[in-house]
Amino acid sequence: MTWLDKLTEKSSRSLAQQTSRRSLLTRLGSLMVVGASMPLLPVSRASAAPSASNGYPGVAPQTTGNAGDPGDPSSCDYWRYCAIDGFLCSCCGGTQNSCPPGTEMSPITWIGTCQNPADGVHYIISYNDCCGKTSCGRCMCNRNENDTPIYRAQTNNDTNWCLGTESNVYTCSTAVILGVAMDQGANK
């Protein structure tokens, strides 16, 4: 190890004799600026190109087959996903109401109220996490319409809801219609 110590000392002394502190700091600063600007250079990113249908590469557009349930369940713009936060199960082998095979739907959920554009009615949506496998990693969707702070946990979408299942490992999220929301004007 003495040869390594001597080599390190010799190279350090040589560097110190040939450069000033200001010069060294200038070079380090320039290197940091160049390194930070590398991601800004124009590069062709084929994986970042959106698909023709919904913006998720490699995911074919889907339909529910029901005229009263319009939209593409594999798209973040689907009407039921107004308060979802997570990977869409419809892109991970499941559907908007069911978990992919090998996972378990959490009985503990957060809820939201979304308006169906087909009939203009507001529906109560239960956002159930599917648990048991590693995260799907496809079709990440984070919409925070009507999200509340953590002190109202039942309507907060930033919690891991895999608490009532055998495994606490999050896979993806579903959006199950529970029923029609009560008319706000009826409570007055």
N, C-alpha and C. Protein backbone atom coordinates (compact mmCIF):
# COMPACT_ATOMS: atom_id res chain seq x y z
N MET A 1 0.82 -1.19 0.00
CA MET A 1 0.00 0.00 0.00
C MET A 1 0.86 1.25 0.00
N THR A 2 2.07 1.15 0.36
CA THR A 2 2.91 2.36 0.38
C THR A 2 3.10 2.92 -1.02
N TRP A 3 3.12 2.04 -2.05
CA TRP A 3 3.29 2.56 -3.41
C TRP A 3 2.06 3.37 -3.83
N LEU A 4 0.86 2.94 -3.37
CA LEU A 4 -0.36 3.68 -3.68
C LEU A 4 -0.37 5.02 -2.95
N ASP A 5 0.09 5.03 -1.70
CA ASP A 5 0.17 6.28 -0.94
C ASP A 5 1.15 7.24 -1.60
N LYS A 6 2.28 6.73 -2.05
CA LYS A 6 3.30 7.58 -2.69
C LYS A 6 2.79 8.12 -4.02
N LEU A 7 2.08 7.28 -4.78
CA LEU A 7 1.54 7.72 -6.07
C LEU A 7 0.49 8.82 -5.87
N THR A 8 -0.38 8.63 -4.87
CA THR A 8 -1.40 9.63 -4.58
C THR A 8 -0.77 10.94 -4.13
N GLU A 9 0.23 10.85 -3.26
CA GLU A 9 0.90 12.06 -2.77
C GLU A 9 1.60 12.78 -3.91
N LYS A 10 2.29 12.04 -4.78
CA LYS A 10 3.04 12.64 -5.88
C LYS A 10 2.09 13.34 -6.85
N SER A 11 0.96 12.67 -7.19
CA SER A 11 0.03 13.28 -8.13
C SER A 11 -0.67 14.50 -7.50
N SER A 12 -0.96 14.45 -6.22
CA SER A 12 -1.58 15.59 -5.54
C SER A 12 -0.64 16.78 -5.50
N ARG A 13 0.62 16.53 -5.19
CA ARG A 13 1.62 17.62 -5.15
C ARG A 13 1.84 18.21 -6.54
N SER A 14 1.87 17.35 -7.55
CA SER A 14 2.06 17.81 -8.91
C SER A 14 0.89 18.70 -9.35
N LEU A 15 -0.31 18.28 -9.03
CA LEU A 15 -1.49 19.07 -9.36
C LEU A 15 -1.46 20.40 -8.62
N ALA A 16 -1.08 20.40 -7.36
CA ALA A 16 -1.02 21.64 -6.57
C ALA A 16 0.03 22.60 -7.10
N GLN A 17 1.13 22.09 -7.62
CA GLN A 17 2.19 22.95 -8.14
C GLN A 17 1.82 23.55 -9.50
N GLN A 18 1.00 22.83 -10.27
CA GLN A 18 0.70 23.28 -11.63
C GLN A 18 -0.56 24.12 -11.74
N THR A 19 -1.44 24.09 -10.74
CA THR A 19 -2.68 24.86 -10.81
C THR A 19 -2.90 25.65 -9.54
N SER A 20 -3.56 26.77 -9.71
CA SER A 20 -3.93 27.57 -8.54
C SER A 20 -5.30 27.11 -8.05
N ARG A 21 -5.68 27.57 -6.86
CA ARG A 21 -6.98 27.21 -6.32
C ARG A 21 -8.10 27.78 -7.18
N ARG A 22 -7.92 29.02 -7.61
CA ARG A 22 -8.94 29.64 -8.44
C ARG A 22 -9.11 28.90 -9.76
N SER A 23 -8.02 28.50 -10.34
CA SER A 23 -8.08 27.76 -11.60
C SER A 23 -8.80 26.43 -11.41
N LEU A 24 -8.48 25.75 -10.33
CA LEU A 24 -9.13 24.46 -10.05
C LEU A 24 -10.63 24.66 -9.82
N LEU A 25 -11.02 25.68 -9.04
CA LEU A 25 -12.44 25.95 -8.80
C LEU A 25 -13.15 26.34 -10.10
N THR A 26 -12.45 27.11 -10.97
CA THR A 26 -13.05 27.49 -12.25
C THR A 26 -13.31 26.26 -13.10
N ARG A 27 -12.37 25.36 -13.16
CA ARG A 27 -12.53 24.15 -13.95
C ARG A 27 -13.64 23.25 -13.37
N LEU A 28 -13.68 23.11 -12.06
CA LEU A 28 -14.74 22.31 -11.45
C LEU A 28 -16.12 22.92 -11.69
N GLY A 29 -16.21 24.25 -11.60
CA GLY A 29 -17.48 24.93 -11.87
C GLY A 29 -17.91 24.75 -13.32
N SER A 30 -16.96 24.88 -14.24
CA SER A 30 -17.28 24.68 -15.66
C SER A 30 -17.74 23.25 -15.92
N LEU A 31 -17.09 22.30 -15.29
CA LEU A 31 -17.47 20.90 -15.45
C LEU A 31 -18.88 20.66 -14.92
N MET A 32 -19.23 21.28 -13.80
CA MET A 32 -20.58 21.13 -13.24
C MET A 32 -21.63 21.74 -14.16
N VAL A 33 -21.36 22.91 -14.76
CA VAL A 33 -22.30 23.56 -15.66
C VAL A 33 -22.49 22.71 -16.91
N VAL A 34 -21.41 22.19 -17.47
CA VAL A 34 -21.50 21.35 -18.66
C VAL A 34 -22.28 20.07 -18.34
N GLY A 35 -21.99 19.48 -17.20
CA GLY A 35 -22.70 18.25 -16.81
C GLY A 35 -24.19 18.49 -16.60
N ALA A 36 -24.53 19.63 -16.02
CA ALA A 36 -25.94 19.93 -15.77
C ALA A 36 -26.68 20.28 -17.06
N SER A 37 -25.98 20.79 -18.07
CA SER A 37 -26.65 21.17 -19.31
C SER A 37 -26.74 20.03 -20.31
N MET A 38 -26.12 18.91 -20.06
CA MET A 38 -26.17 17.77 -20.98
C MET A 38 -27.60 17.30 -21.25
N PRO A 39 -28.47 17.20 -20.26
CA PRO A 39 -29.85 16.76 -20.56
C PRO A 39 -30.63 17.75 -21.42
N LEU A 40 -30.15 18.99 -21.54
CA LEU A 40 -30.85 19.99 -22.33
C LEU A 40 -30.55 19.90 -23.82
N LEU A 41 -29.52 19.14 -24.19
CA LEU A 41 -29.16 19.02 -25.59
C LEU A 41 -30.24 18.25 -26.34
N PRO A 42 -30.47 18.61 -27.60
CA PRO A 42 -31.50 17.89 -28.37
C PRO A 42 -31.06 16.47 -28.68
N VAL A 43 -31.83 15.52 -28.18
CA VAL A 43 -31.54 14.11 -28.38
C VAL A 43 -32.84 13.43 -28.80
N SER A 44 -32.76 12.54 -29.73
CA SER A 44 -33.95 11.80 -30.16
C SER A 44 -34.26 10.76 -29.10
N ARG A 45 -35.43 10.89 -28.50
CA ARG A 45 -35.84 9.95 -27.47
C ARG A 45 -37.07 9.20 -27.98
N ALA A 46 -36.85 8.05 -28.56
CA ALA A 46 -37.95 7.28 -29.13
C ALA A 46 -38.93 6.82 -28.07
N SER A 47 -38.41 6.52 -26.87
CA SER A 47 -39.30 6.04 -25.81
C SER A 47 -40.20 7.14 -25.27
N ALA A 48 -39.81 8.40 -25.48
CA ALA A 48 -40.62 9.50 -24.97
C ALA A 48 -41.68 9.96 -25.97
N ALA A 49 -41.67 9.41 -27.18
CA ALA A 49 -42.66 9.82 -28.17
C ALA A 49 -44.03 9.29 -27.78
N PRO A 50 -45.04 10.16 -27.71
CA PRO A 50 -46.37 9.69 -27.34
C PRO A 50 -46.98 8.85 -28.44
N SER A 51 -47.80 7.89 -28.03
CA SER A 51 -48.49 7.09 -29.02
C SER A 51 -49.63 7.90 -29.61
N ALA A 52 -50.19 7.40 -30.69
CA ALA A 52 -51.22 8.14 -31.39
C ALA A 52 -52.50 8.28 -30.57
N SER A 53 -52.75 7.39 -29.62
CA SER A 53 -54.05 7.40 -28.96
C SER A 53 -54.06 8.13 -27.63
N ASN A 54 -53.26 7.71 -26.68
CA ASN A 54 -53.44 8.24 -25.33
C ASN A 54 -52.17 8.73 -24.65
N GLY A 55 -51.06 8.75 -25.32
CA GLY A 55 -49.85 9.27 -24.73
C GLY A 55 -49.01 8.26 -23.98
N TYR A 56 -49.44 7.00 -23.87
CA TYR A 56 -48.66 5.98 -23.20
C TYR A 56 -48.09 5.05 -24.26
N PRO A 57 -46.76 5.09 -24.49
CA PRO A 57 -46.16 4.23 -25.50
C PRO A 57 -46.39 2.75 -25.21
N GLY A 58 -46.79 2.02 -26.23
CA GLY A 58 -46.96 0.59 -26.11
C GLY A 58 -48.27 0.15 -25.50
N VAL A 59 -49.18 1.09 -25.23
CA VAL A 59 -50.48 0.74 -24.64
C VAL A 59 -51.55 1.05 -25.67
N ALA A 60 -52.27 0.02 -26.11
CA ALA A 60 -53.34 0.19 -27.08
C ALA A 60 -54.54 0.85 -26.43
N PRO A 61 -55.26 1.71 -27.17
CA PRO A 61 -56.46 2.31 -26.60
C PRO A 61 -57.50 1.24 -26.28
N GLN A 62 -58.27 1.49 -25.24
CA GLN A 62 -59.29 0.54 -24.80
C GLN A 62 -60.64 1.23 -24.76
N THR A 63 -61.67 0.44 -24.65
CA THR A 63 -63.02 0.97 -24.47
C THR A 63 -63.76 0.08 -23.48
N THR A 64 -64.74 0.65 -22.81
CA THR A 64 -65.54 -0.14 -21.87
C THR A 64 -66.63 -0.90 -22.60
N GLY A 65 -66.93 -0.48 -23.83
CA GLY A 65 -68.00 -1.13 -24.58
C GLY A 65 -69.39 -0.66 -24.17
N ASN A 66 -69.45 0.33 -23.31
CA ASN A 66 -70.72 0.84 -22.81
C ASN A 66 -70.82 2.32 -23.18
N ALA A 67 -71.86 2.69 -23.92
CA ALA A 67 -72.01 4.09 -24.34
C ALA A 67 -72.19 5.02 -23.13
N GLY A 68 -72.70 4.50 -22.02
CA GLY A 68 -72.89 5.29 -20.82
C GLY A 68 -71.62 5.44 -19.99
N ASP A 69 -70.54 4.80 -20.42
CA ASP A 69 -69.25 4.86 -19.73
C ASP A 69 -68.17 5.20 -20.77
N PRO A 70 -68.19 6.46 -21.26
CA PRO A 70 -67.30 6.82 -22.36
C PRO A 70 -65.86 7.00 -21.92
N GLY A 71 -64.97 6.87 -22.89
CA GLY A 71 -63.56 7.14 -22.64
C GLY A 71 -62.70 5.91 -22.72
N ASP A 72 -61.42 6.14 -22.58
CA ASP A 72 -60.41 5.10 -22.67
C ASP A 72 -59.86 4.82 -21.27
N PRO A 73 -60.16 3.64 -20.69
CA PRO A 73 -59.69 3.33 -19.33
C PRO A 73 -58.17 3.23 -19.21
N SER A 74 -57.45 3.20 -20.32
CA SER A 74 -55.99 3.17 -20.24
C SER A 74 -55.39 4.57 -20.39
N SER A 75 -56.24 5.59 -20.37
CA SER A 75 -55.80 6.98 -20.48
C SER A 75 -56.06 7.71 -19.17
N CYS A 76 -55.16 8.59 -18.81
CA CYS A 76 -55.31 9.37 -17.59
C CYS A 76 -56.51 10.32 -17.67
N ASP A 77 -56.97 10.61 -18.88
CA ASP A 77 -58.10 11.51 -19.08
C ASP A 77 -59.46 10.84 -18.91
N TYR A 78 -59.48 9.54 -18.64
CA TYR A 78 -60.73 8.82 -18.44
C TYR A 78 -61.49 9.46 -17.28
N TRP A 79 -62.80 9.62 -17.42
CA TRP A 79 -63.57 10.40 -16.46
C TRP A 79 -63.54 9.86 -15.04
N ARG A 80 -63.43 8.55 -14.85
CA ARG A 80 -63.41 7.98 -13.49
C ARG A 80 -62.14 8.31 -12.73
N TYR A 81 -61.10 8.72 -13.42
CA TYR A 81 -59.79 8.93 -12.80
C TYR A 81 -59.60 10.36 -12.30
N CYS A 82 -60.66 11.06 -11.93
CA CYS A 82 -60.52 12.46 -11.54
C CYS A 82 -59.75 12.65 -10.23
N ALA A 83 -59.59 11.63 -9.42
CA ALA A 83 -58.84 11.77 -8.16
C ALA A 83 -57.86 10.62 -7.96
N ILE A 84 -57.40 10.01 -9.05
CA ILE A 84 -56.52 8.84 -8.95
C ILE A 84 -55.07 9.29 -8.80
N ASP A 85 -54.28 8.46 -8.16
CA ASP A 85 -52.84 8.69 -8.03
C ASP A 85 -52.17 7.33 -8.03
N GLY A 86 -51.56 6.97 -9.14
CA GLY A 86 -50.87 5.69 -9.23
C GLY A 86 -50.87 5.15 -10.64
N PHE A 87 -50.43 3.92 -10.78
CA PHE A 87 -50.41 3.25 -12.07
C PHE A 87 -51.80 2.68 -12.36
N LEU A 88 -52.25 2.82 -13.59
CA LEU A 88 -53.59 2.36 -13.96
C LEU A 88 -53.58 0.85 -14.15
N CYS A 89 -54.47 0.15 -13.46
CA CYS A 89 -54.56 -1.32 -13.59
C CYS A 89 -54.97 -1.74 -14.99
N SER A 90 -55.67 -0.86 -15.72
CA SER A 90 -56.07 -1.19 -17.09
C SER A 90 -54.86 -1.28 -18.02
N CYS A 91 -53.71 -0.79 -17.61
CA CYS A 91 -52.47 -0.91 -18.38
C CYS A 91 -51.59 -2.03 -17.83
N CYS A 92 -52.00 -2.65 -16.75
CA CYS A 92 -51.16 -3.62 -16.05
C CYS A 92 -51.74 -5.02 -16.03
N GLY A 93 -52.70 -5.30 -16.89
CA GLY A 93 -53.28 -6.64 -16.94
C GLY A 93 -54.64 -6.74 -16.28
N GLY A 94 -55.11 -5.66 -15.67
CA GLY A 94 -56.43 -5.65 -15.07
C GLY A 94 -57.35 -4.74 -15.87
N THR A 95 -58.38 -4.24 -15.24
CA THR A 95 -59.29 -3.28 -15.87
C THR A 95 -59.47 -2.10 -14.94
N GLN A 96 -60.37 -1.19 -15.31
CA GLN A 96 -60.63 -0.05 -14.43
C GLN A 96 -61.31 -0.49 -13.14
N ASN A 97 -61.96 -1.69 -13.10
CA ASN A 97 -62.60 -2.17 -11.86
C ASN A 97 -61.98 -3.41 -11.28
N SER A 98 -60.98 -4.01 -11.92
CA SER A 98 -60.44 -5.27 -11.39
C SER A 98 -58.91 -5.26 -11.41
N CYS A 99 -58.37 -6.02 -10.49
CA CYS A 99 -56.92 -6.11 -10.34
C CYS A 99 -56.32 -7.09 -11.34
N PRO A 100 -55.03 -6.93 -11.67
CA PRO A 100 -54.36 -7.90 -12.52
C PRO A 100 -54.25 -9.25 -11.80
N PRO A 101 -54.13 -10.34 -12.55
CA PRO A 101 -53.97 -11.66 -11.92
C PRO A 101 -52.76 -11.69 -10.99
N GLY A 102 -52.92 -12.36 -9.87
CA GLY A 102 -51.84 -12.49 -8.90
C GLY A 102 -51.78 -11.36 -7.88
N THR A 103 -52.71 -10.41 -7.98
CA THR A 103 -52.75 -9.32 -7.00
C THR A 103 -54.07 -9.38 -6.24
N GLU A 104 -54.14 -8.61 -5.17
CA GLU A 104 -55.31 -8.60 -4.30
C GLU A 104 -55.79 -7.16 -4.14
N MET A 105 -57.10 -6.93 -4.26
CA MET A 105 -57.65 -5.59 -4.11
C MET A 105 -57.74 -5.24 -2.63
N SER A 106 -57.24 -4.08 -2.29
CA SER A 106 -57.27 -3.63 -0.91
C SER A 106 -58.70 -3.27 -0.50
N PRO A 107 -59.13 -3.71 0.68
CA PRO A 107 -60.47 -3.33 1.15
C PRO A 107 -60.51 -1.90 1.69
N ILE A 108 -59.36 -1.30 1.92
CA ILE A 108 -59.27 0.06 2.43
C ILE A 108 -59.01 0.97 1.23
N THR A 109 -59.83 2.02 1.05
CA THR A 109 -59.76 2.83 -0.16
C THR A 109 -59.82 4.31 0.15
N TRP A 110 -59.59 5.11 -0.87
CA TRP A 110 -59.92 6.52 -0.80
C TRP A 110 -61.03 6.74 -1.82
N ILE A 111 -61.81 7.78 -1.63
CA ILE A 111 -62.97 8.00 -2.49
C ILE A 111 -62.91 9.37 -3.15
N GLY A 112 -63.63 9.48 -4.24
CA GLY A 112 -63.73 10.74 -4.96
C GLY A 112 -65.09 10.81 -5.63
N THR A 113 -65.43 11.96 -6.14
CA THR A 113 -66.67 12.15 -6.87
C THR A 113 -66.33 12.72 -8.23
N CYS A 114 -66.69 11.97 -9.29
CA CYS A 114 -66.36 12.36 -10.66
C CYS A 114 -67.64 12.48 -11.48
N GLN A 115 -67.63 13.41 -12.42
CA GLN A 115 -68.80 13.60 -13.28
C GLN A 115 -68.62 12.82 -14.57
N ASN A 116 -69.63 12.00 -14.89
CA ASN A 116 -69.65 11.24 -16.14
C ASN A 116 -70.09 12.18 -17.26
N PRO A 117 -69.26 12.37 -18.29
CA PRO A 117 -69.64 13.29 -19.36
C PRO A 117 -70.81 12.79 -20.20
N ALA A 118 -71.11 11.50 -20.15
CA ALA A 118 -72.21 10.97 -20.96
C ALA A 118 -73.57 11.39 -20.42
N ASP A 119 -73.73 11.42 -19.10
CA ASP A 119 -75.03 11.77 -18.54
C ASP A 119 -75.00 12.98 -17.61
N GLY A 120 -73.82 13.55 -17.37
CA GLY A 120 -73.70 14.73 -16.52
C GLY A 120 -73.91 14.47 -15.05
N VAL A 121 -74.01 13.20 -14.63
CA VAL A 121 -74.25 12.83 -13.24
C VAL A 121 -72.92 12.63 -12.52
N HIS A 122 -72.86 13.04 -11.26
CA HIS A 122 -71.68 12.82 -10.43
C HIS A 122 -71.79 11.45 -9.77
N TYR A 123 -70.71 10.69 -9.83
CA TYR A 123 -70.68 9.36 -9.24
C TYR A 123 -69.61 9.29 -8.15
N ILE A 124 -69.88 8.48 -7.12
CA ILE A 124 -68.90 8.22 -6.07
C ILE A 124 -67.99 7.11 -6.58
N ILE A 125 -66.69 7.40 -6.61
CA ILE A 125 -65.70 6.45 -7.12
C ILE A 125 -64.82 5.98 -5.97
N SER A 126 -64.68 4.68 -5.85
CA SER A 126 -63.78 4.09 -4.87
C SER A 126 -62.48 3.74 -5.57
N TYR A 127 -61.39 4.32 -5.11
CA TYR A 127 -60.08 4.04 -5.69
C TYR A 127 -59.40 2.98 -4.84
N ASN A 128 -59.39 1.76 -5.36
CA ASN A 128 -58.80 0.64 -4.65
C ASN A 128 -57.41 0.36 -5.21
N ASP A 129 -56.44 0.20 -4.34
CA ASP A 129 -55.11 -0.22 -4.77
C ASP A 129 -55.10 -1.74 -4.89
N CYS A 130 -54.39 -2.23 -5.89
CA CYS A 130 -54.16 -3.66 -6.04
C CYS A 130 -52.76 -3.94 -5.51
N CYS A 131 -52.63 -4.97 -4.72
CA CYS A 131 -51.40 -5.21 -3.98
C CYS A 131 -50.93 -6.65 -4.16
N GLY A 132 -49.64 -6.86 -4.01
CA GLY A 132 -49.11 -8.21 -4.02
C GLY A 132 -47.94 -8.41 -4.95
N LYS A 133 -47.83 -7.61 -6.00
CA LYS A 133 -46.70 -7.69 -6.93
C LYS A 133 -45.99 -6.34 -6.90
N THR A 134 -44.82 -6.29 -7.51
CA THR A 134 -44.12 -5.01 -7.58
C THR A 134 -44.92 -4.05 -8.44
N SER A 135 -44.62 -2.76 -8.33
CA SER A 135 -45.34 -1.74 -9.08
C SER A 135 -45.29 -2.04 -10.56
N CYS A 136 -46.40 -1.84 -11.20
CA CYS A 136 -46.54 -2.11 -12.63
C CYS A 136 -45.60 -1.21 -13.44
N GLY A 137 -45.55 0.06 -13.10
CA GLY A 137 -44.65 0.98 -13.79
C GLY A 137 -45.19 1.48 -15.13
N ARG A 138 -46.45 1.22 -15.45
CA ARG A 138 -47.03 1.67 -16.71
C ARG A 138 -48.22 2.57 -16.45
N CYS A 139 -48.36 3.58 -17.27
CA CYS A 139 -49.51 4.50 -17.23
C CYS A 139 -49.66 5.19 -15.87
N MET A 140 -48.64 5.89 -15.43
CA MET A 140 -48.71 6.65 -14.19
C MET A 140 -49.68 7.81 -14.37
N CYS A 141 -50.58 7.94 -13.44
CA CYS A 141 -51.60 8.98 -13.51
C CYS A 141 -51.73 9.63 -12.13
N ASN A 142 -51.60 10.95 -12.08
CA ASN A 142 -51.71 11.65 -10.80
C ASN A 142 -52.63 12.85 -11.01
N ARG A 143 -53.89 12.67 -10.71
CA ARG A 143 -54.87 13.75 -10.81
C ARG A 143 -55.36 14.05 -9.40
N ASN A 144 -55.27 15.27 -9.00
CA ASN A 144 -55.57 15.64 -7.62
C ASN A 144 -56.83 16.48 -7.50
N GLU A 145 -57.81 16.29 -8.39
CA GLU A 145 -59.06 17.01 -8.28
C GLU A 145 -59.78 16.54 -7.02
N ASN A 146 -60.16 17.45 -6.18
CA ASN A 146 -60.87 17.18 -4.93
C ASN A 146 -60.03 16.41 -3.91
N ASP A 147 -58.72 16.38 -4.07
CA ASP A 147 -57.84 15.75 -3.08
C ASP A 147 -57.80 16.65 -1.86
N THR A 148 -57.76 16.05 -0.68
CA THR A 148 -57.73 16.82 0.56
C THR A 148 -56.43 16.55 1.30
N PRO A 149 -56.09 17.41 2.24
CA PRO A 149 -54.88 17.17 3.03
C PRO A 149 -54.97 15.85 3.80
N ILE A 150 -53.86 15.41 4.31
CA ILE A 150 -53.76 14.09 4.95
C ILE A 150 -54.64 13.96 6.18
N TYR A 151 -55.11 15.07 6.78
CA TYR A 151 -55.96 14.94 7.97
C TYR A 151 -57.33 14.37 7.62
N ARG A 152 -57.70 14.32 6.33
CA ARG A 152 -58.91 13.61 5.89
C ARG A 152 -58.43 12.45 5.03
N ALA A 153 -57.92 11.44 5.67
CA ALA A 153 -57.25 10.34 4.98
C ALA A 153 -58.14 9.61 3.98
N GLN A 154 -59.42 9.51 4.22
CA GLN A 154 -60.30 8.75 3.33
C GLN A 154 -60.43 9.40 1.95
N THR A 155 -60.08 10.68 1.81
CA THR A 155 -60.15 11.33 0.51
C THR A 155 -58.78 11.78 0.03
N ASN A 156 -57.72 11.30 0.64
CA ASN A 156 -56.36 11.65 0.24
C ASN A 156 -55.77 10.52 -0.57
N ASN A 157 -55.18 10.85 -1.72
CA ASN A 157 -54.67 9.82 -2.61
C ASN A 157 -53.17 9.56 -2.46
N ASP A 158 -52.51 10.14 -1.48
CA ASP A 158 -51.07 9.97 -1.32
C ASP A 158 -50.69 8.91 -0.29
N THR A 159 -51.60 8.07 0.08
CA THR A 159 -51.36 7.04 1.09
C THR A 159 -51.26 5.69 0.42
N ASN A 160 -50.40 4.82 0.93
CA ASN A 160 -50.36 3.44 0.45
C ASN A 160 -51.54 2.72 1.11
N TRP A 161 -52.53 2.36 0.31
CA TRP A 161 -53.76 1.77 0.83
C TRP A 161 -53.70 0.25 0.87
N CYS A 162 -52.54 -0.35 0.78
CA CYS A 162 -52.39 -1.82 0.82
C CYS A 162 -52.29 -2.33 2.25
N LEU A 163 -53.04 -1.75 3.15
CA LEU A 163 -52.92 -2.12 4.56
C LEU A 163 -53.76 -3.33 4.94
N GLY A 164 -54.87 -3.58 4.27
CA GLY A 164 -55.74 -4.68 4.63
C GLY A 164 -55.49 -5.94 3.82
N THR A 165 -54.34 -6.03 3.16
CA THR A 165 -54.04 -7.19 2.30
C THR A 165 -52.89 -8.00 2.89
N GLU A 166 -52.65 -9.16 2.29
CA GLU A 166 -51.55 -10.01 2.75
C GLU A 166 -50.20 -9.36 2.51
N SER A 167 -50.08 -8.61 1.42
CA SER A 167 -48.82 -7.96 1.07
C SER A 167 -49.04 -6.45 1.01
N ASN A 168 -48.09 -5.69 1.53
CA ASN A 168 -48.17 -4.24 1.50
C ASN A 168 -47.52 -3.66 0.24
N VAL A 169 -47.19 -4.50 -0.72
CA VAL A 169 -46.52 -4.05 -1.95
C VAL A 169 -47.57 -3.53 -2.93
N TYR A 170 -47.46 -2.26 -3.31
CA TYR A 170 -48.40 -1.62 -4.23
C TYR A 170 -48.11 -2.04 -5.67
N THR A 171 -49.17 -2.36 -6.44
CA THR A 171 -49.04 -2.73 -7.85
C THR A 171 -49.67 -1.67 -8.75
N CYS A 172 -50.96 -1.40 -8.59
CA CYS A 172 -51.67 -0.44 -9.44
C CYS A 172 -52.97 -0.02 -8.75
N SER A 173 -53.73 0.88 -9.40
CA SER A 173 -54.97 1.39 -8.81
C SER A 173 -56.15 1.21 -9.75
N THR A 174 -57.33 0.96 -9.15
CA THR A 174 -58.58 0.82 -9.90
C THR A 174 -59.52 1.96 -9.54
N ALA A 175 -60.61 2.09 -10.31
CA ALA A 175 -61.62 3.11 -10.06
C ALA A 175 -62.99 2.45 -10.18
N VAL A 176 -63.58 2.08 -9.05
CA VAL A 176 -64.84 1.35 -9.02
C VAL A 176 -65.98 2.31 -8.68
N ILE A 177 -67.05 2.28 -9.48
CA ILE A 177 -68.21 3.14 -9.22
C ILE A 177 -69.01 2.54 -8.06
N LEU A 178 -69.22 3.34 -7.00
CA LEU A 178 -70.01 2.89 -5.86
C LEU A 178 -71.48 3.26 -5.99
N GLY A 179 -71.76 4.38 -6.61
CA GLY A 179 -73.15 4.82 -6.76
C GLY A 179 -73.20 6.26 -7.17
N VAL A 180 -74.40 6.79 -7.23
CA VAL A 180 -74.62 8.18 -7.61
C VAL A 180 -74.41 9.06 -6.39
N ALA A 181 -73.73 10.17 -6.59
CA ALA A 181 -73.50 11.11 -5.49
C ALA A 181 -74.78 11.87 -5.19
N MET A 182 -74.97 12.20 -3.93
CA MET A 182 -76.16 12.92 -3.53
C MET A 182 -76.14 14.32 -4.14
N ASP A 183 -77.27 14.82 -4.55
CA ASP A 183 -77.36 16.15 -5.13
C ASP A 183 -77.06 17.17 -4.04
N GLN A 184 -76.13 18.08 -4.32
CA GLN A 184 -75.73 19.10 -3.33
C GLN A 184 -76.92 20.01 -2.97
N GLY A 185 -77.80 20.26 -3.93
CA GLY A 185 -78.93 21.15 -3.67
C GLY A 185 -79.98 20.53 -2.76
N ALA A 186 -80.00 19.21 -2.63
CA ALA A 186 -81.00 18.53 -1.80
C ALA A 186 -80.74 18.71 -0.31
N ASN A 187 -79.52 19.10 0.06
CA ASN A 187 -79.16 19.25 1.47
C ASN A 187 -79.52 20.61 2.04
N LYS A 188 -79.99 21.53 1.24
CA LYS A 188 -80.21 22.89 1.72
C LYS A 188 -81.53 23.02 2.43
